Full PDB file with SEQRES, HELIX, SHEET, SSBOND, CRYST1, ORIGX, SCALE, CONECT and MASTER records, all heavy atoms in Angstrom:
SEQRES   1 A   30  GLY GLY LYS LYS VAL GLY ILE ILE GLY ILE GLY GLY LEU          
SEQRES   2 A   30  GLY GLN PHE GLY VAL ARG LEU ALA LYS ALA MET GLY ASN          
SEQRES   3 A   30  GLU VAL TYR ALA                                              
HELIX    1 AA1 GLY A   12  ALA A   23  1                                  12    
SHEET    1 AA1 2 LYS A   4  GLY A   6  0                                        
SHEET    2 AA1 2 GLU A  27  TYR A  29  1                                        
CRYST1    1.000    1.000    1.000  90.00  90.00  90.00 P 1           1          
ORIGX1      1.000000  0.000000  0.000000        0.00000                         
ORIGX2      0.000000  1.000000  0.000000        0.00000                         
ORIGX3      0.000000  0.000000  1.000000        0.00000                         
SCALE1      1.000000  0.000000  0.000000        0.00000                         
SCALE2      0.000000  1.000000  0.000000        0.00000                         
SCALE3      0.000000  0.000000  1.000000        0.00000                         
ATOM      1  N   GLY A   1     -11.994 -21.392  -0.424  1.00  0.00           N  
ATOM      2  CA  GLY A   1     -11.446 -21.684  -1.749  1.00  0.00           C  
ATOM      3  C   GLY A   1     -11.320 -23.168  -2.029  1.00  0.00           C  
ATOM      4  O   GLY A   1     -11.662 -24.043  -1.221  1.00  0.00           O  
ATOM      5  N   GLY A   2     -10.836 -23.486  -3.238  1.00  0.00           N  
ATOM      6  CA  GLY A   2     -10.602 -24.858  -3.637  1.00  0.00           C  
ATOM      7  C   GLY A   2     -11.826 -25.603  -4.120  1.00  0.00           C  
ATOM      8  O   GLY A   2     -11.784 -26.821  -4.324  1.00  0.00           O  
ATOM      9  N   LYS A   3     -12.951 -24.915  -4.339  1.00  0.00           N  
ATOM     10  CA  LYS A   3     -14.179 -25.556  -4.788  1.00  0.00           C  
ATOM     11  C   LYS A   3     -14.488 -25.132  -6.229  1.00  0.00           C  
ATOM     12  O   LYS A   3     -13.859 -24.252  -6.800  1.00  0.00           O  
ATOM     13  CB  LYS A   3     -15.349 -25.173  -3.879  1.00  0.00           C  
ATOM     14  CG  LYS A   3     -15.159 -25.536  -2.412  1.00  0.00           C  
ATOM     15  CD  LYS A   3     -15.143 -27.031  -2.187  1.00  0.00           C  
ATOM     16  CE  LYS A   3     -15.102 -27.363  -0.694  1.00  0.00           C  
ATOM     17  NZ  LYS A   3     -15.109 -28.826  -0.445  1.00  0.00           N  
ATOM     18  N   LYS A   4     -15.505 -25.792  -6.788  1.00  0.00           N  
ATOM     19  CA  LYS A   4     -16.010 -25.428  -8.106  1.00  0.00           C  
ATOM     20  C   LYS A   4     -17.398 -24.805  -7.909  1.00  0.00           C  
ATOM     21  O   LYS A   4     -18.294 -25.461  -7.391  1.00  0.00           O  
ATOM     22  CB  LYS A   4     -16.062 -26.631  -9.026  1.00  0.00           C  
ATOM     23  CG  LYS A   4     -14.674 -27.166  -9.397  1.00  0.00           C  
ATOM     24  CD  LYS A   4     -14.757 -28.276 -10.433  1.00  0.00           C  
ATOM     25  CE  LYS A   4     -13.368 -28.746 -10.837  1.00  0.00           C  
ATOM     26  NZ  LYS A   4     -13.407 -29.796 -11.893  1.00  0.00           N  
ATOM     27  N   VAL A   5     -17.519 -23.553  -8.313  1.00  0.00           N  
ATOM     28  CA  VAL A   5     -18.726 -22.778  -8.043  1.00  0.00           C  
ATOM     29  C   VAL A   5     -19.351 -22.323  -9.353  1.00  0.00           C  
ATOM     30  O   VAL A   5     -18.676 -21.759 -10.218  1.00  0.00           O  
ATOM     31  CB  VAL A   5     -18.407 -21.544  -7.167  1.00  0.00           C  
ATOM     32  CG1 VAL A   5     -19.681 -20.727  -6.918  1.00  0.00           C  
ATOM     33  CG2 VAL A   5     -17.790 -21.982  -5.843  1.00  0.00           C  
ATOM     34  N   GLY A   6     -20.655 -22.546  -9.501  1.00  0.00           N  
ATOM     35  CA  GLY A   6     -21.391 -22.092 -10.668  1.00  0.00           C  
ATOM     36  C   GLY A   6     -22.232 -20.878 -10.336  1.00  0.00           C  
ATOM     37  O   GLY A   6     -22.863 -20.823  -9.272  1.00  0.00           O  
ATOM     38  N   ILE A   7     -22.247 -19.899 -11.227  1.00  0.00           N  
ATOM     39  CA  ILE A   7     -23.067 -18.705 -11.072  1.00  0.00           C  
ATOM     40  C   ILE A   7     -24.024 -18.646 -12.266  1.00  0.00           C  
ATOM     41  O   ILE A   7     -23.580 -18.500 -13.414  1.00  0.00           O  
ATOM     42  CB  ILE A   7     -22.227 -17.414 -11.038  1.00  0.00           C  
ATOM     43  CG1 ILE A   7     -21.107 -17.512  -9.974  1.00  0.00           C  
ATOM     44  CG2 ILE A   7     -23.123 -16.207 -10.806  1.00  0.00           C  
ATOM     45  CD1 ILE A   7     -21.585 -17.588  -8.551  1.00  0.00           C  
ATOM     46  N   ILE A   8     -25.318 -18.790 -12.003  1.00  0.00           N  
ATOM     47  CA  ILE A   8     -26.314 -18.750 -13.075  1.00  0.00           C  
ATOM     48  C   ILE A   8     -26.836 -17.320 -13.216  1.00  0.00           C  
ATOM     49  O   ILE A   8     -27.362 -16.749 -12.254  1.00  0.00           O  
ATOM     50  CB  ILE A   8     -27.497 -19.688 -12.790  1.00  0.00           C  
ATOM     51  CG1 ILE A   8     -27.021 -21.113 -12.526  1.00  0.00           C  
ATOM     52  CG2 ILE A   8     -28.478 -19.671 -13.955  1.00  0.00           C  
ATOM     53  CD1 ILE A   8     -28.125 -22.063 -12.094  1.00  0.00           C  
ATOM     54  N   GLY A   9     -26.683 -16.774 -14.412  1.00  0.00           N  
ATOM     55  CA  GLY A   9     -27.130 -15.413 -14.667  1.00  0.00           C  
ATOM     56  C   GLY A   9     -26.004 -14.422 -14.472  1.00  0.00           C  
ATOM     57  O   GLY A   9     -25.543 -14.224 -13.343  1.00  0.00           O  
ATOM     58  N   ILE A  10     -25.547 -13.805 -15.554  1.00  0.00           N  
ATOM     59  CA  ILE A  10     -24.413 -12.885 -15.457  1.00  0.00           C  
ATOM     60  C   ILE A  10     -24.927 -11.458 -15.610  1.00  0.00           C  
ATOM     61  O   ILE A  10     -24.664 -10.750 -16.591  1.00  0.00           O  
ATOM     62  CB  ILE A  10     -23.333 -13.215 -16.518  1.00  0.00           C  
ATOM     63  CG1 ILE A  10     -23.017 -14.707 -16.480  1.00  0.00           C  
ATOM     64  CG2 ILE A  10     -22.051 -12.408 -16.248  1.00  0.00           C  
ATOM     65  CD1 ILE A  10     -22.567 -15.236 -15.127  1.00  0.00           C  
ATOM     66  N   GLY A  11     -25.736 -11.035 -14.641  1.00  0.00           N  
ATOM     67  CA  GLY A  11     -26.231  -9.676 -14.576  1.00  0.00           C  
ATOM     68  C   GLY A  11     -25.622  -8.954 -13.391  1.00  0.00           C  
ATOM     69  O   GLY A  11     -24.479  -9.206 -13.009  1.00  0.00           O  
ATOM     70  N   GLY A  12     -26.405  -8.051 -12.773  1.00  0.00           N  
ATOM     71  CA  GLY A  12     -25.893  -7.285 -11.640  1.00  0.00           C  
ATOM     72  C   GLY A  12     -25.487  -8.145 -10.465  1.00  0.00           C  
ATOM     73  O   GLY A  12     -24.451  -7.918  -9.828  1.00  0.00           O  
ATOM     74  N   LEU A  13     -26.291  -9.171 -10.142  1.00  0.00           N  
ATOM     75  CA  LEU A  13     -25.937 -10.105  -9.077  1.00  0.00           C  
ATOM     76  C   LEU A  13     -24.823 -11.050  -9.512  1.00  0.00           C  
ATOM     77  O   LEU A  13     -23.836 -11.255  -8.795  1.00  0.00           O  
ATOM     78  CB  LEU A  13     -27.156 -10.937  -8.665  1.00  0.00           C  
ATOM     79  CG  LEU A  13     -28.221 -10.296  -7.798  1.00  0.00           C  
ATOM     80  CD1 LEU A  13     -29.390 -11.257  -7.616  1.00  0.00           C  
ATOM     81  CD2 LEU A  13     -27.653  -9.912  -6.445  1.00  0.00           C  
ATOM     82  N   GLY A  14     -24.997 -11.616 -10.694  1.00  0.00           N  
ATOM     83  CA  GLY A  14     -24.064 -12.637 -11.150  1.00  0.00           C  
ATOM     84  C   GLY A  14     -22.639 -12.154 -11.284  1.00  0.00           C  
ATOM     85  O   GLY A  14     -21.695 -12.881 -10.949  1.00  0.00           O  
ATOM     86  N   GLN A  15     -22.447 -10.935 -11.768  1.00  0.00           N  
ATOM     87  CA  GLN A  15     -21.079 -10.434 -11.924  1.00  0.00           C  
ATOM     88  C   GLN A  15     -20.389 -10.338 -10.567  1.00  0.00           C  
ATOM     89  O   GLN A  15     -19.202 -10.601 -10.440  1.00  0.00           O  
ATOM     90  CB  GLN A  15     -21.065  -9.083 -12.648  1.00  0.00           C  
ATOM     91  CG  GLN A  15     -21.855  -7.970 -11.964  1.00  0.00           C  
ATOM     92  CD  GLN A  15     -21.005  -6.779 -11.551  1.00  0.00           C  
ATOM     93  OE1 GLN A  15     -19.788  -6.861 -11.505  1.00  0.00           O  
ATOM     94  NE2 GLN A  15     -21.671  -5.680 -11.252  1.00  0.00           N  
ATOM     95  N   PHE A  16     -21.151  -9.985  -9.496  1.00  0.00           N  
ATOM     96  CA  PHE A  16     -20.574  -9.978  -8.157  1.00  0.00           C  
ATOM     97  C   PHE A  16     -20.232 -11.396  -7.719  1.00  0.00           C  
ATOM     98  O   PHE A  16     -19.194 -11.636  -7.097  1.00  0.00           O  
ATOM     99  CB  PHE A  16     -21.538  -9.350  -7.153  1.00  0.00           C  
ATOM    100  CG  PHE A  16     -21.309  -7.893  -6.913  1.00  0.00           C  
ATOM    101  CD1 PHE A  16     -22.305  -6.978  -7.202  1.00  0.00           C  
ATOM    102  CD2 PHE A  16     -20.113  -7.421  -6.397  1.00  0.00           C  
ATOM    103  CE1 PHE A  16     -22.106  -5.625  -6.988  1.00  0.00           C  
ATOM    104  CE2 PHE A  16     -19.907  -6.072  -6.170  1.00  0.00           C  
ATOM    105  CZ  PHE A  16     -20.906  -5.165  -6.469  1.00  0.00           C  
ATOM    106  N   GLY A  17     -21.121 -12.350  -8.026  1.00  0.00           N  
ATOM    107  CA  GLY A  17     -20.864 -13.736  -7.647  1.00  0.00           C  
ATOM    108  C   GLY A  17     -19.592 -14.260  -8.262  1.00  0.00           C  
ATOM    109  O   GLY A  17     -18.783 -14.934  -7.595  1.00  0.00           O  
ATOM    110  N   VAL A  18     -19.379 -13.964  -9.538  1.00  0.00           N  
ATOM    111  CA  VAL A  18     -18.154 -14.401 -10.220  1.00  0.00           C  
ATOM    112  C   VAL A  18     -16.932 -13.775  -9.560  1.00  0.00           C  
ATOM    113  O   VAL A  18     -15.948 -14.470  -9.247  1.00  0.00           O  
ATOM    114  CB  VAL A  18     -18.212 -14.031 -11.719  1.00  0.00           C  
ATOM    115  CG1 VAL A  18     -16.858 -14.272 -12.383  1.00  0.00           C  
ATOM    116  CG2 VAL A  18     -19.297 -14.835 -12.430  1.00  0.00           C  
ATOM    117  N   ARG A  19     -16.968 -12.472  -9.335  1.00  0.00           N  
ATOM    118  CA  ARG A  19     -15.816 -11.774  -8.759  1.00  0.00           C  
ATOM    119  C   ARG A  19     -15.494 -12.284  -7.355  1.00  0.00           C  
ATOM    120  O   ARG A  19     -14.333 -12.510  -7.001  1.00  0.00           O  
ATOM    121  CB  ARG A  19     -16.078 -10.267  -8.722  1.00  0.00           C  
ATOM    122  CG  ARG A  19     -16.231  -9.606 -10.095  1.00  0.00           C  
ATOM    123  CD  ARG A  19     -16.569  -8.126  -9.945  1.00  0.00           C  
ATOM    124  NE  ARG A  19     -17.074  -7.545 -11.176  1.00  0.00           N  
ATOM    125  CZ  ARG A  19     -16.318  -7.075 -12.157  1.00  0.00           C  
ATOM    126  NH1 ARG A  19     -14.999  -7.124 -12.040  1.00  0.00           N  
ATOM    127  NH2 ARG A  19     -16.865  -6.556 -13.238  1.00  0.00           N  
ATOM    128  N   LEU A  20     -16.533 -12.456  -6.543  1.00  0.00           N  
ATOM    129  CA  LEU A  20     -16.324 -12.888  -5.165  1.00  0.00           C  
ATOM    130  C   LEU A  20     -15.818 -14.329  -5.095  1.00  0.00           C  
ATOM    131  O   LEU A  20     -14.843 -14.619  -4.380  1.00  0.00           O  
ATOM    132  CB  LEU A  20     -17.626 -12.765  -4.380  1.00  0.00           C  
ATOM    133  CG  LEU A  20     -18.094 -11.341  -4.065  1.00  0.00           C  
ATOM    134  CD1 LEU A  20     -19.559 -11.348  -3.623  1.00  0.00           C  
ATOM    135  CD2 LEU A  20     -17.222 -10.715  -2.980  1.00  0.00           C  
ATOM    136  N   ALA A  21     -16.475 -15.234  -5.822  1.00  0.00           N  
ATOM    137  CA  ALA A  21     -16.070 -16.637  -5.784  1.00  0.00           C  
ATOM    138  C   ALA A  21     -14.633 -16.806  -6.274  1.00  0.00           C  
ATOM    139  O   ALA A  21     -13.871 -17.618  -5.730  1.00  0.00           O  
ATOM    140  CB  ALA A  21     -17.024 -17.487  -6.618  1.00  0.00           C  
ATOM    141  N   LYS A  22     -14.258 -16.063  -7.294  1.00  0.00           N  
ATOM    142  CA  LYS A  22     -12.896 -16.141  -7.816  1.00  0.00           C  
ATOM    143  C   LYS A  22     -11.892 -15.591  -6.809  1.00  0.00           C  
ATOM    144  O   LYS A  22     -10.834 -16.188  -6.571  1.00  0.00           O  
ATOM    145  CB  LYS A  22     -12.795 -15.371  -9.143  1.00  0.00           C  
ATOM    146  CG  LYS A  22     -11.434 -15.508  -9.830  1.00  0.00           C  
ATOM    147  CD  LYS A  22     -11.155 -16.952 -10.207  1.00  0.00           C  
ATOM    148  CE  LYS A  22      -9.831 -17.095 -10.944  1.00  0.00           C  
ATOM    149  NZ  LYS A  22      -9.528 -18.516 -11.250  1.00  0.00           N  
ATOM    150  N   ALA A  23     -12.208 -14.457  -6.194  1.00  0.00           N  
ATOM    151  CA  ALA A  23     -11.310 -13.868  -5.210  1.00  0.00           C  
ATOM    152  C   ALA A  23     -11.120 -14.767  -3.996  1.00  0.00           C  
ATOM    153  O   ALA A  23     -10.089 -14.701  -3.319  1.00  0.00           O  
ATOM    154  CB  ALA A  23     -11.836 -12.505  -4.762  1.00  0.00           C  
ATOM    155  N   MET A  24     -12.105 -15.629  -3.729  1.00  0.00           N  
ATOM    156  CA  MET A  24     -11.995 -16.582  -2.618  1.00  0.00           C  
ATOM    157  C   MET A  24     -11.144 -17.790  -2.972  1.00  0.00           C  
ATOM    158  O   MET A  24     -10.894 -18.643  -2.123  1.00  0.00           O  
ATOM    159  CB  MET A  24     -13.395 -17.037  -2.200  1.00  0.00           C  
ATOM    160  CG  MET A  24     -14.227 -15.952  -1.555  1.00  0.00           C  
ATOM    161  SD  MET A  24     -15.961 -16.478  -1.331  1.00  0.00           S  
ATOM    162  CE  MET A  24     -16.652 -15.026  -0.523  1.00  0.00           C  
ATOM    163  N   GLY A  25     -10.731 -17.902  -4.224  1.00  0.00           N  
ATOM    164  CA  GLY A  25      -9.842 -18.989  -4.628  1.00  0.00           C  
ATOM    165  C   GLY A  25     -10.535 -20.196  -5.199  1.00  0.00           C  
ATOM    166  O   GLY A  25      -9.994 -21.311  -5.148  1.00  0.00           O  
ATOM    167  N   ASN A  26     -11.714 -20.013  -5.776  1.00  0.00           N  
ATOM    168  CA  ASN A  26     -12.465 -21.121  -6.355  1.00  0.00           C  
ATOM    169  C   ASN A  26     -12.368 -21.124  -7.885  1.00  0.00           C  
ATOM    170  O   ASN A  26     -12.034 -20.110  -8.505  1.00  0.00           O  
ATOM    171  CB  ASN A  26     -13.936 -21.010  -5.956  1.00  0.00           C  
ATOM    172  CG  ASN A  26     -14.133 -21.076  -4.456  1.00  0.00           C  
ATOM    173  OD1 ASN A  26     -13.934 -22.114  -3.844  1.00  0.00           O  
ATOM    174  ND2 ASN A  26     -14.511 -19.950  -3.866  1.00  0.00           N  
ATOM    175  N   GLU A  27     -12.675 -22.262  -8.484  1.00  0.00           N  
ATOM    176  CA  GLU A  27     -12.820 -22.335  -9.925  1.00  0.00           C  
ATOM    177  C   GLU A  27     -14.274 -21.974 -10.240  1.00  0.00           C  
ATOM    178  O   GLU A  27     -15.202 -22.595  -9.714  1.00  0.00           O  
ATOM    179  CB  GLU A  27     -12.492 -23.731 -10.445  1.00  0.00           C  
ATOM    180  CG  GLU A  27     -12.556 -23.842 -11.966  1.00  0.00           C  
ATOM    181  CD  GLU A  27     -12.158 -25.212 -12.487  1.00  0.00           C  
ATOM    182  OE1 GLU A  27     -11.608 -26.024 -11.698  1.00  0.00           O  
ATOM    183  OE2 GLU A  27     -12.398 -25.484 -13.685  1.00  0.00           O  
ATOM    184  N   VAL A  28     -14.455 -20.992 -11.109  1.00  0.00           N  
ATOM    185  CA  VAL A  28     -15.786 -20.421 -11.309  1.00  0.00           C  
ATOM    186  C   VAL A  28     -16.324 -20.759 -12.694  1.00  0.00           C  
ATOM    187  O   VAL A  28     -15.640 -20.573 -13.706  1.00  0.00           O  
ATOM    188  CB  VAL A  28     -15.757 -18.890 -11.120  1.00  0.00           C  
ATOM    189  CG1 VAL A  28     -17.159 -18.310 -11.319  1.00  0.00           C  
ATOM    190  CG2 VAL A  28     -15.229 -18.532  -9.732  1.00  0.00           C  
ATOM    191  N   TYR A  29     -17.571 -21.246 -12.705  1.00  0.00           N  
ATOM    192  CA  TYR A  29     -18.305 -21.531 -13.931  1.00  0.00           C  
ATOM    193  C   TYR A  29     -19.417 -20.485 -14.067  1.00  0.00           C  
ATOM    194  O   TYR A  29     -20.337 -20.451 -13.241  1.00  0.00           O  
ATOM    195  CB  TYR A  29     -18.927 -22.918 -13.889  1.00  0.00           C  
ATOM    196  CG  TYR A  29     -17.963 -24.074 -14.009  1.00  0.00           C  
ATOM    197  CD1 TYR A  29     -17.022 -24.333 -13.014  1.00  0.00           C  
ATOM    198  CD2 TYR A  29     -18.007 -24.936 -15.098  1.00  0.00           C  
ATOM    199  CE1 TYR A  29     -16.136 -25.410 -13.105  1.00  0.00           C  
ATOM    200  CE2 TYR A  29     -17.138 -26.014 -15.208  1.00  0.00           C  
ATOM    201  CZ  TYR A  29     -16.206 -26.233 -14.208  1.00  0.00           C  
ATOM    202  OH  TYR A  29     -15.332 -27.306 -14.314  1.00  0.00           O  
ATOM    203  N   ALA A  30     -19.332 -19.662 -15.083  1.00  0.00           N  
ATOM    204  CA  ALA A  30     -20.420 -18.740 -15.387  1.00  0.00           C  
ATOM    205  C   ALA A  30     -21.423 -19.458 -16.284  1.00  0.00           C  
ATOM    206  O   ALA A  30     -21.041 -20.088 -17.277  1.00  0.00           O  
ATOM    207  CB  ALA A  30     -19.889 -17.494 -16.083  1.00  0.00           C  
TER     208      ALA A  30                                                      
MASTER        0    0    0    1    2    0    0    6  207    1    0    3          
END                                                                             
């Protein structure tokens, strides 16, 4: 956690990336 993470593409993969990165405690950019 504590990082800034970008997820490019909010489809089947991307929605998991957003959920996981956020649950790990990061600031998430979709």
